[in-house]
Amino acid sequence: MPLNPSVQICTHIKINGVRCGSPALRGKEFCYFHQRMIRGVSTPQNPRIHPLALIENEERTRQAIRGIKDMFRKGII
């Protein structure tokens, strides 16, 4: 329950069934994190968080591992 009743809460339901609980972006249904993750908001040129860090469930973990393997294969890391 938000402290201010006028603040909307992110509607994302995590894989464990728990609602996110972060404040939603103004006029949106998701918080900053889930808006980018679910809706595919473009990533800034120098993001503070690498897209592989957006791990929330098993499928995202598999995607991150595949991405890291590809980077090794390409010689990026």
PDB file of N, CA and C in Angstrom:
ATOM      1  N   MET A   1       0.847  -1.175   0.000  1.00  0.00           N
ATOM      2  CA  MET A   1       0.000   0.000   0.000  1.00  0.00           C
ATOM      3  C   MET A   1       0.891   1.236   0.000  1.00  0.00           C
ATOM      4  N   PRO A   2       0.747   2.119  -0.989  1.00  0.00           N
ATOM      5  CA  PRO A   2       1.580   3.311  -1.026  1.00  0.00           C
ATOM      6  C   PRO A   2       1.231   4.267   0.102  1.00  0.00           C
ATOM      7  N   LEU A   3       2.203   5.065   0.510  1.00  0.00           N
ATOM      8  CA  LEU A   3       1.958   6.052   1.554  1.00  0.00           C
ATOM      9  C   LEU A   3       1.003   7.127   1.060  1.00  0.00           C
ATOM     10  N   ASN A   4       1.116   7.500  -0.203  1.00  0.00           N
ATOM     11  CA  ASN A   4       0.249   8.493  -0.805  1.00  0.00           C
ATOM     12  C   ASN A   4      -0.753   7.762  -1.699  1.00  0.00           C
ATOM     13  N   PRO A   5      -2.046   7.841  -1.412  1.00  0.00           N
ATOM     14  CA  PRO A   5      -3.028   7.081  -2.200  1.00  0.00           C
ATOM     15  C   PRO A   5      -3.109   7.505  -3.662  1.00  0.00           C
ATOM     16  N   SER A   6      -2.591   8.683  -4.011  1.00  0.00           N
ATOM     17  CA  SER A   6      -2.640   9.112  -5.412  1.00  0.00           C
ATOM     18  C   SER A   6      -1.512   8.510  -6.248  1.00  0.00           C
ATOM     19  N   VAL A   7      -0.561   7.829  -5.613  1.00  0.00           N
ATOM     20  CA  VAL A   7       0.559   7.218  -6.331  1.00  0.00           C
ATOM     21  C   VAL A   7       0.130   5.858  -6.867  1.00  0.00           C
ATOM     22  N   GLN A   8       0.247   5.680  -8.188  1.00  0.00           N
ATOM     23  CA  GLN A   8      -0.070   4.394  -8.803  1.00  0.00           C
ATOM     24  C   GLN A   8       1.085   3.425  -8.575  1.00  0.00           C
ATOM     25  N   ILE A   9       0.762   2.150  -8.427  1.00  0.00           N
ATOM     26  CA  ILE A   9       1.764   1.107  -8.201  1.00  0.00           C
ATOM     27  C   ILE A   9       1.911   0.277  -9.470  1.00  0.00           C
ATOM     28  N   CYS A  10       3.133  -0.154  -9.744  1.00  0.00           N
ATOM     29  CA  CYS A  10       3.432  -1.001 -10.900  1.00  0.00           C
ATOM     30  C   CYS A  10       2.530  -2.240 -10.872  1.00  0.00           C
ATOM     31  N   THR A  11       1.972  -2.589 -12.011  1.00  0.00           N
ATOM     32  CA  THR A  11       1.044  -3.719 -12.076  1.00  0.00           C
ATOM     33  C   THR A  11       1.721  -5.041 -12.444  1.00  0.00           C
ATOM     34  N   HIS A  12       3.052  -5.024 -12.589  1.00  0.00           N
ATOM     35  CA  HIS A  12       3.757  -6.255 -12.962  1.00  0.00           C
ATOM     36  C   HIS A  12       3.663  -7.280 -11.835  1.00  0.00           C
ATOM     37  N   ILE A  13       3.326  -8.514 -12.195  1.00  0.00           N
ATOM     38  CA  ILE A  13       3.292  -9.626 -11.240  1.00  0.00           C
ATOM     39  C   ILE A  13       4.530 -10.481 -11.507  1.00  0.00           C
ATOM     40  N   LYS A  14       5.359 -10.637 -10.509  1.00  0.00           N
ATOM     41  CA  LYS A  14       6.588 -11.416 -10.664  1.00  0.00           C
ATOM     42  C   LYS A  14       6.250 -12.893 -10.808  1.00  0.00           C
ATOM     43  N   ILE A  15       7.241 -13.680 -11.201  1.00  0.00           N
ATOM     44  CA  ILE A  15       7.062 -15.115 -11.447  1.00  0.00           C
ATOM     45  C   ILE A  15       6.594 -15.847 -10.183  1.00  0.00           C
ATOM     46  N   ASN A  16       6.921 -15.297  -8.998  1.00  0.00           N
ATOM     47  CA  ASN A  16       6.518 -15.921  -7.740  1.00  0.00           C
ATOM     48  C   ASN A  16       5.122 -15.494  -7.287  1.00  0.00           C
ATOM     49  N   GLY A  17       4.436 -14.664  -8.125  1.00  0.00           N
ATOM     50  CA  GLY A  17       3.071 -14.256  -7.811  1.00  0.00           C
ATOM     51  C   GLY A  17       2.966 -12.980  -6.997  1.00  0.00           C
ATOM     52  N   VAL A  18       4.085 -12.366  -6.641  1.00  0.00           N
ATOM     53  CA  VAL A  18       4.093 -11.143  -5.841  1.00  0.00           C
ATOM     54  C   VAL A  18       4.078  -9.939  -6.777  1.00  0.00           C
ATOM     55  N   ARG A  19       3.257  -8.953  -6.452  1.00  0.00           N
ATOM     56  CA  ARG A  19       3.205  -7.729  -7.253  1.00  0.00           C
ATOM     57  C   ARG A  19       4.454  -6.894  -7.003  1.00  0.00           C
ATOM     58  N   CYS A  20       4.916  -6.178  -8.008  1.00  0.00           N
ATOM     59  CA  CYS A  20       6.156  -5.411  -7.950  1.00  0.00           C
ATOM     60  C   CYS A  20       6.192  -4.470  -6.752  1.00  0.00           C
ATOM     61  N   GLY A  21       5.276  -3.540  -6.641  1.00  0.00           N
ATOM     62  CA  GLY A  21       5.233  -2.643  -5.495  1.00  0.00           C
ATOM     63  C   GLY A  21       5.940  -1.316  -5.696  1.00  0.00           C
ATOM     64  N   SER A  22       6.712  -1.158  -6.761  1.00  0.00           N
ATOM     65  CA  SER A  22       7.366   0.120  -7.050  1.00  0.00           C
ATOM     66  C   SER A  22       6.348   1.092  -7.628  1.00  0.00           C
ATOM     67  N   PRO A  23       6.594   2.392  -7.473  1.00  0.00           N
ATOM     68  CA  PRO A  23       5.664   3.349  -8.078  1.00  0.00           C
ATOM     69  C   PRO A  23       5.721   3.279  -9.598  1.00  0.00           C
ATOM     70  N   ALA A  24       4.566   3.328 -10.222  1.00  0.00           N
ATOM     71  CA  ALA A  24       4.490   3.313 -11.686  1.00  0.00           C
ATOM     72  C   ALA A  24       4.896   4.676 -12.232  1.00  0.00           C
ATOM     73  N   LEU A  25       5.395   4.682 -13.463  1.00  0.00           N
ATOM     74  CA  LEU A  25       5.704   5.942 -14.121  1.00  0.00           C
ATOM     75  C   LEU A  25       4.410   6.725 -14.323  1.00  0.00           C
ATOM     76  N   ARG A  26       4.502   8.033 -14.309  1.00  0.00           N
ATOM     77  CA  ARG A  26       3.325   8.885 -14.459  1.00  0.00           C
ATOM     78  C   ARG A  26       2.597   8.550 -15.766  1.00  0.00           C
ATOM     79  N   GLY A  27       1.329   8.185 -15.652  1.00  0.00           N
ATOM     80  CA  GLY A  27       0.522   7.870 -16.822  1.00  0.00           C
ATOM     81  C   GLY A  27       0.758   6.478 -17.398  1.00  0.00           C
ATOM     82  N   LYS A  28       1.572   5.654 -16.749  1.00  0.00           N
ATOM     83  CA  LYS A  28       1.882   4.306 -17.228  1.00  0.00           C
ATOM     84  C   LYS A  28       1.416   3.291 -16.192  1.00  0.00           C
ATOM     85  N   GLU A  29       1.405   2.011 -16.589  1.00  0.00           N
ATOM     86  CA  GLU A  29       0.993   0.976 -15.642  1.00  0.00           C
ATOM     87  C   GLU A  29       2.166   0.260 -14.984  1.00  0.00           C
ATOM     88  N   PHE A  30       3.408   0.525 -15.478  1.00  0.00           N
ATOM     89  CA  PHE A  30       4.584  -0.145 -14.941  1.00  0.00           C
ATOM     90  C   PHE A  30       5.588   0.847 -14.361  1.00  0.00           C
ATOM     91  N   CYS A  31       6.454   0.355 -13.490  1.00  0.00           N
ATOM     92  CA  CYS A  31       7.560   1.152 -12.956  1.00  0.00           C
ATOM     93  C   CYS A  31       8.637   1.289 -14.036  1.00  0.00           C
ATOM     94  N   TYR A  32       9.673   2.062 -13.758  1.00  0.00           N
ATOM     95  CA  TYR A  32      10.746   2.289 -14.731  1.00  0.00           C
ATOM     96  C   TYR A  32      11.360   0.970 -15.195  1.00  0.00           C
ATOM     97  N   PHE A  33      11.695   0.098 -14.249  1.00  0.00           N
ATOM     98  CA  PHE A  33      12.337  -1.178 -14.555  1.00  0.00           C
ATOM     99  C   PHE A  33      11.457  -2.036 -15.462  1.00  0.00           C
ATOM    100  N   HIS A  34      10.214  -2.248 -15.069  1.00  0.00           N
ATOM    101  CA  HIS A  34       9.330  -3.138 -15.826  1.00  0.00           C
ATOM    102  C   HIS A  34       8.841  -2.495 -17.115  1.00  0.00           C
ATOM    103  N   GLN A  35       8.740  -1.172 -17.171  1.00  0.00           N
ATOM    104  CA  GLN A  35       8.376  -0.500 -18.415  1.00  0.00           C
ATOM    105  C   GLN A  35       9.424  -0.807 -19.485  1.00  0.00           C
ATOM    106  N   ARG A  36      10.700  -0.712 -19.113  1.00  0.00           N
ATOM    107  CA  ARG A  36      11.772  -0.999 -20.049  1.00  0.00           C
ATOM    108  C   ARG A  36      11.814  -2.477 -20.403  1.00  0.00           C
ATOM    109  N   MET A  37      11.612  -3.335 -19.405  1.00  0.00           N
ATOM    110  CA  MET A  37      11.711  -4.773 -19.619  1.00  0.00           C
ATOM    111  C   MET A  37      10.557  -5.304 -20.473  1.00  0.00           C
ATOM    112  N   ILE A  38       9.344  -4.892 -20.175  1.00  0.00           N
ATOM    113  CA  ILE A  38       8.163  -5.456 -20.821  1.00  0.00           C
ATOM    114  C   ILE A  38       7.828  -4.743 -22.130  1.00  0.00           C
ATOM    115  N   ARG A  39       7.850  -3.445 -22.120  1.00  0.00           N
ATOM    116  CA  ARG A  39       7.427  -2.666 -23.290  1.00  0.00           C
ATOM    117  C   ARG A  39       8.563  -2.399 -24.277  1.00  0.00           C
ATOM    118  N   GLY A  40       9.788  -2.721 -23.902  1.00  0.00           N
ATOM    119  CA  GLY A  40      10.889  -2.540 -24.829  1.00  0.00           C
ATOM    120  C   GLY A  40      11.278  -1.098 -25.055  1.00  0.00           C
ATOM    121  N   VAL A  41      11.234  -0.285 -24.007  1.00  0.00           N
ATOM    122  CA  VAL A  41      11.664   1.105 -24.122  1.00  0.00           C
ATOM    123  C   VAL A  41      13.133   1.120 -24.510  1.00  0.00           C
ATOM    124  N   SER A  42      13.509   1.991 -25.423  1.00  0.00           N
ATOM    125  CA  SER A  42      14.879   2.010 -25.923  1.00  0.00           C
ATOM    126  C   SER A  42      15.882   2.260 -24.804  1.00  0.00           C
ATOM    127  N   THR A  43      17.046   1.634 -24.945  1.00  0.00           N
ATOM    128  CA  THR A  43      18.114   1.753 -23.959  1.00  0.00           C
ATOM    129  C   THR A  43      18.975   2.963 -24.293  1.00  0.00           C
ATOM    130  N   PRO A  44      19.304   3.811 -23.312  1.00  0.00           N
ATOM    131  CA  PRO A  44      20.177   4.950 -23.576  1.00  0.00           C
ATOM    132  C   PRO A  44      21.550   4.491 -24.060  1.00  0.00           C
ATOM    133  N   GLN A  45      22.315   5.387 -24.676  1.00  0.00           N
ATOM    134  CA  GLN A  45      23.619   5.018 -25.214  1.00  0.00           C
ATOM    135  C   GLN A  45      24.581   4.522 -24.139  1.00  0.00           C
ATOM    136  N   ASN A  46      24.593   5.132 -22.988  1.00  0.00           N
ATOM    137  CA  ASN A  46      25.475   4.722 -21.892  1.00  0.00           C
ATOM    138  C   ASN A  46      24.645   4.351 -20.665  1.00  0.00           C
ATOM    139  N   PRO A  47      23.950   3.198 -20.714  1.00  0.00           N
ATOM    140  CA  PRO A  47      23.083   2.838 -19.584  1.00  0.00           C
ATOM    141  C   PRO A  47      23.896   2.494 -18.344  1.00  0.00           C
ATOM    142  N   ARG A  48      23.333   2.808 -17.193  1.00  0.00           N
ATOM    143  CA  ARG A  48      23.982   2.450 -15.924  1.00  0.00           C
ATOM    144  C   ARG A  48      23.838   0.965 -15.653  1.00  0.00           C
ATOM    145  N   ILE A  49      22.754   0.370 -16.146  1.00  0.00           N
ATOM    146  CA  ILE A  49      22.513  -1.067 -15.958  1.00  0.00           C
ATOM    147  C   ILE A  49      22.556  -1.736 -17.316  1.00  0.00           C
ATOM    148  N   HIS A  50      23.388  -2.749 -17.456  1.00  0.00           N
ATOM    149  CA  HIS A  50      23.470  -3.487 -18.717  1.00  0.00           C
ATOM    150  C   HIS A  50      22.182  -4.283 -18.892  1.00  0.00           C
ATOM    151  N   PRO A  51      21.670  -4.396 -20.131  1.00  0.00           N
ATOM    152  CA  PRO A  51      20.433  -5.153 -20.352  1.00  0.00           C
ATOM    153  C   PRO A  51      20.473  -6.577 -19.801  1.00  0.00           C
ATOM    154  N   LEU A  52      21.661  -7.184 -19.731  1.00  0.00           N
ATOM    155  CA  LEU A  52      21.749  -8.538 -19.171  1.00  0.00           C
ATOM    156  C   LEU A  52      21.465  -8.561 -17.674  1.00  0.00           C
ATOM    157  N   ALA A  53      21.506  -7.402 -17.022  1.00  0.00           N
ATOM    158  CA  ALA A  53      21.245  -7.350 -15.584  1.00  0.00           C
ATOM    159  C   ALA A  53      19.756  -7.414 -15.267  1.00  0.00           C
ATOM    160  N   LEU A  54      18.904  -7.379 -16.273  1.00  0.00           N
ATOM    161  CA  LEU A  54      17.469  -7.400 -16.046  1.00  0.00           C
ATOM    162  C   LEU A  54      16.975  -8.838 -15.899  1.00  0.00           C
ATOM    163  N   ILE A  55      17.508  -9.527 -14.902  1.00  0.00           N
ATOM    164  CA  ILE A  55      17.175 -10.938 -14.675  1.00  0.00           C
ATOM    165  C   ILE A  55      16.125 -11.024 -13.575  1.00  0.00           C
ATOM    166  N   GLU A  56      14.980 -11.589 -13.917  1.00  0.00           N
ATOM    167  CA  GLU A  56      13.915 -11.695 -12.939  1.00  0.00           C
ATOM    168  C   GLU A  56      13.407 -13.126 -12.782  1.00  0.00           C
ATOM    169  N   ASN A  57      13.614 -13.967 -13.786  1.00  0.00           N
ATOM    170  CA  ASN A  57      13.119 -15.339 -13.703  1.00  0.00           C
ATOM    171  C   ASN A  57      14.060 -16.262 -14.474  1.00  0.00           C
ATOM    172  N   GLU A  58      13.698 -17.536 -14.567  1.00  0.00           N
ATOM    173  CA  GLU A  58      14.562 -18.528 -15.205  1.00  0.00           C
ATOM    174  C   GLU A  58      14.815 -18.221 -16.675  1.00  0.00           C
ATOM    175  N   GLU A  59      13.783 -17.791 -17.393  1.00  0.00           N
ATOM    176  CA  GLU A  59      13.956 -17.496 -18.816  1.00  0.00           C
ATOM    177  C   GLU A  59      14.917 -16.332 -19.021  1.00  0.00           C
ATOM    178  N   ARG A  60      14.793 -15.288 -18.208  1.00  0.00           N
ATOM    179  CA  ARG A  60      15.720 -14.151 -18.317  1.00  0.00           C
ATOM    180  C   ARG A  60      17.142 -14.588 -17.959  1.00  0.00           C
ATOM    181  N   THR A  61      17.295 -15.526 -17.035  1.00  0.00           N
ATOM    182  CA  THR A  61      18.614 -16.045 -16.692  1.00  0.00           C
ATOM    183  C   THR A  61      19.208 -16.772 -17.889  1.00  0.00           C
ATOM    184  N   ARG A  62      18.397 -17.600 -18.558  1.00  0.00           N
ATOM    185  CA  ARG A  62      18.875 -18.299 -19.762  1.00  0.00           C
ATOM    186  C   ARG A  62      19.278 -17.307 -20.849  1.00  0.00           C
ATOM    187  N   GLN A  63      18.484 -16.261 -21.049  1.00  0.00           N
ATOM    188  CA  GLN A  63      18.810 -15.242 -22.044  1.00  0.00           C
ATOM    189  C   GLN A  63      20.132 -14.563 -21.707  1.00  0.00           C
ATOM    190  N   ALA A  64      20.344 -14.263 -20.426  1.00  0.00           N
ATOM    191  CA  ALA A  64      21.584 -13.614 -20.007  1.00  0.00           C
ATOM    192  C   ALA A  64      22.781 -14.519 -20.264  1.00  0.00           C
ATOM    193  N   ILE A  65      22.651 -15.796 -19.960  1.00  0.00           N
ATOM    194  CA  ILE A  65      23.747 -16.745 -20.183  1.00  0.00           C
ATOM    195  C   ILE A  65      24.057 -16.858 -21.671  1.00  0.00           C
ATOM    196  N   ARG A  66      22.993 -16.924 -22.504  1.00  0.00           N
ATOM    197  CA  ARG A  66      23.217 -16.969 -23.953  1.00  0.00           C
ATOM    198  C   ARG A  66      23.920 -15.698 -24.437  1.00  0.00           C
ATOM    199  N   GLY A  67      23.515 -14.557 -23.898  1.00  0.00           N
ATOM    200  CA  GLY A  67      24.141 -13.297 -24.284  1.00  0.00           C
ATOM    201  C   GLY A  67      25.610 -13.247 -23.902  1.00  0.00           C
ATOM    202  N   ILE A  68      25.932 -13.735 -22.713  1.00  0.00           N
ATOM    203  CA  ILE A  68      27.327 -13.761 -22.259  1.00  0.00           C
ATOM    204  C   ILE A  68      28.138 -14.720 -23.122  1.00  0.00           C
ATOM    205  N   LYS A  69      27.563 -15.894 -23.436  1.00  0.00           N
ATOM    206  CA  LYS A  69      28.260 -16.844 -24.312  1.00  0.00           C
ATOM    207  C   LYS A  69      28.534 -16.229 -25.677  1.00  0.00           C
ATOM    208  N   ASP A  70      27.563 -15.497 -26.223  1.00  0.00           N
ATOM    209  CA  ASP A  70      27.756 -14.844 -27.518  1.00  0.00           C
ATOM    210  C   ASP A  70      28.863 -13.789 -27.440  1.00  0.00           C
ATOM    211  N   MET A  71      28.875 -13.033 -26.344  1.00  0.00           N
ATOM    212  CA  MET A  71      29.932 -12.018 -26.189  1.00  0.00           C
ATOM    213  C   MET A  71      31.319 -12.661 -26.125  1.00  0.00           C
ATOM    214  N   PHE A  72      31.433 -13.777 -25.412  1.00  0.00           N
ATOM    215  CA  PHE A  72      32.712 -14.495 -25.365  1.00  0.00           C
ATOM    216  C   PHE A  72      33.102 -14.972 -26.765  1.00  0.00           C
ATOM    217  N   ARG A  73      32.134 -15.541 -27.475  1.00  0.00           N
ATOM    218  CA  ARG A  73      32.388 -16.060 -28.809  1.00  0.00           C
ATOM    219  C   ARG A  73      32.843 -14.949 -29.765  1.00  0.00           C
ATOM    220  N   LYS A  74      32.254 -13.762 -29.640  1.00  0.00           N
ATOM    221  CA  LYS A  74      32.598 -12.637 -30.502  1.00  0.00           C
ATOM    222  C   LYS A  74      33.848 -11.878 -30.039  1.00  0.00           C
ATOM    223  N   GLY A  75      34.359 -12.236 -28.861  1.00  0.00           N
ATOM    224  CA  GLY A  75      35.552 -11.586 -28.339  1.00  0.00           C
ATOM    225  C   GLY A  75      35.288 -10.230 -27.703  1.00  0.00           C
ATOM    226  N   ILE A  76      34.026  -9.955 -27.379  1.00  0.00           N
ATOM    227  CA  ILE A  76      33.680  -8.675 -26.747  1.00  0.00           C
ATOM    228  C   ILE A  76      34.150  -8.657 -25.301  1.00  0.00           C
ATOM    229  N   ILE A  77      34.044  -9.812 -24.632  1.00  0.00           N
ATOM    230  CA  ILE A  77      34.525  -9.915 -23.244  1.00  0.00           C
ATOM    231  C   ILE A  77      35.460 -11.093 -23.135  1.00  0.00           C
TER     232      ILE A  77
END
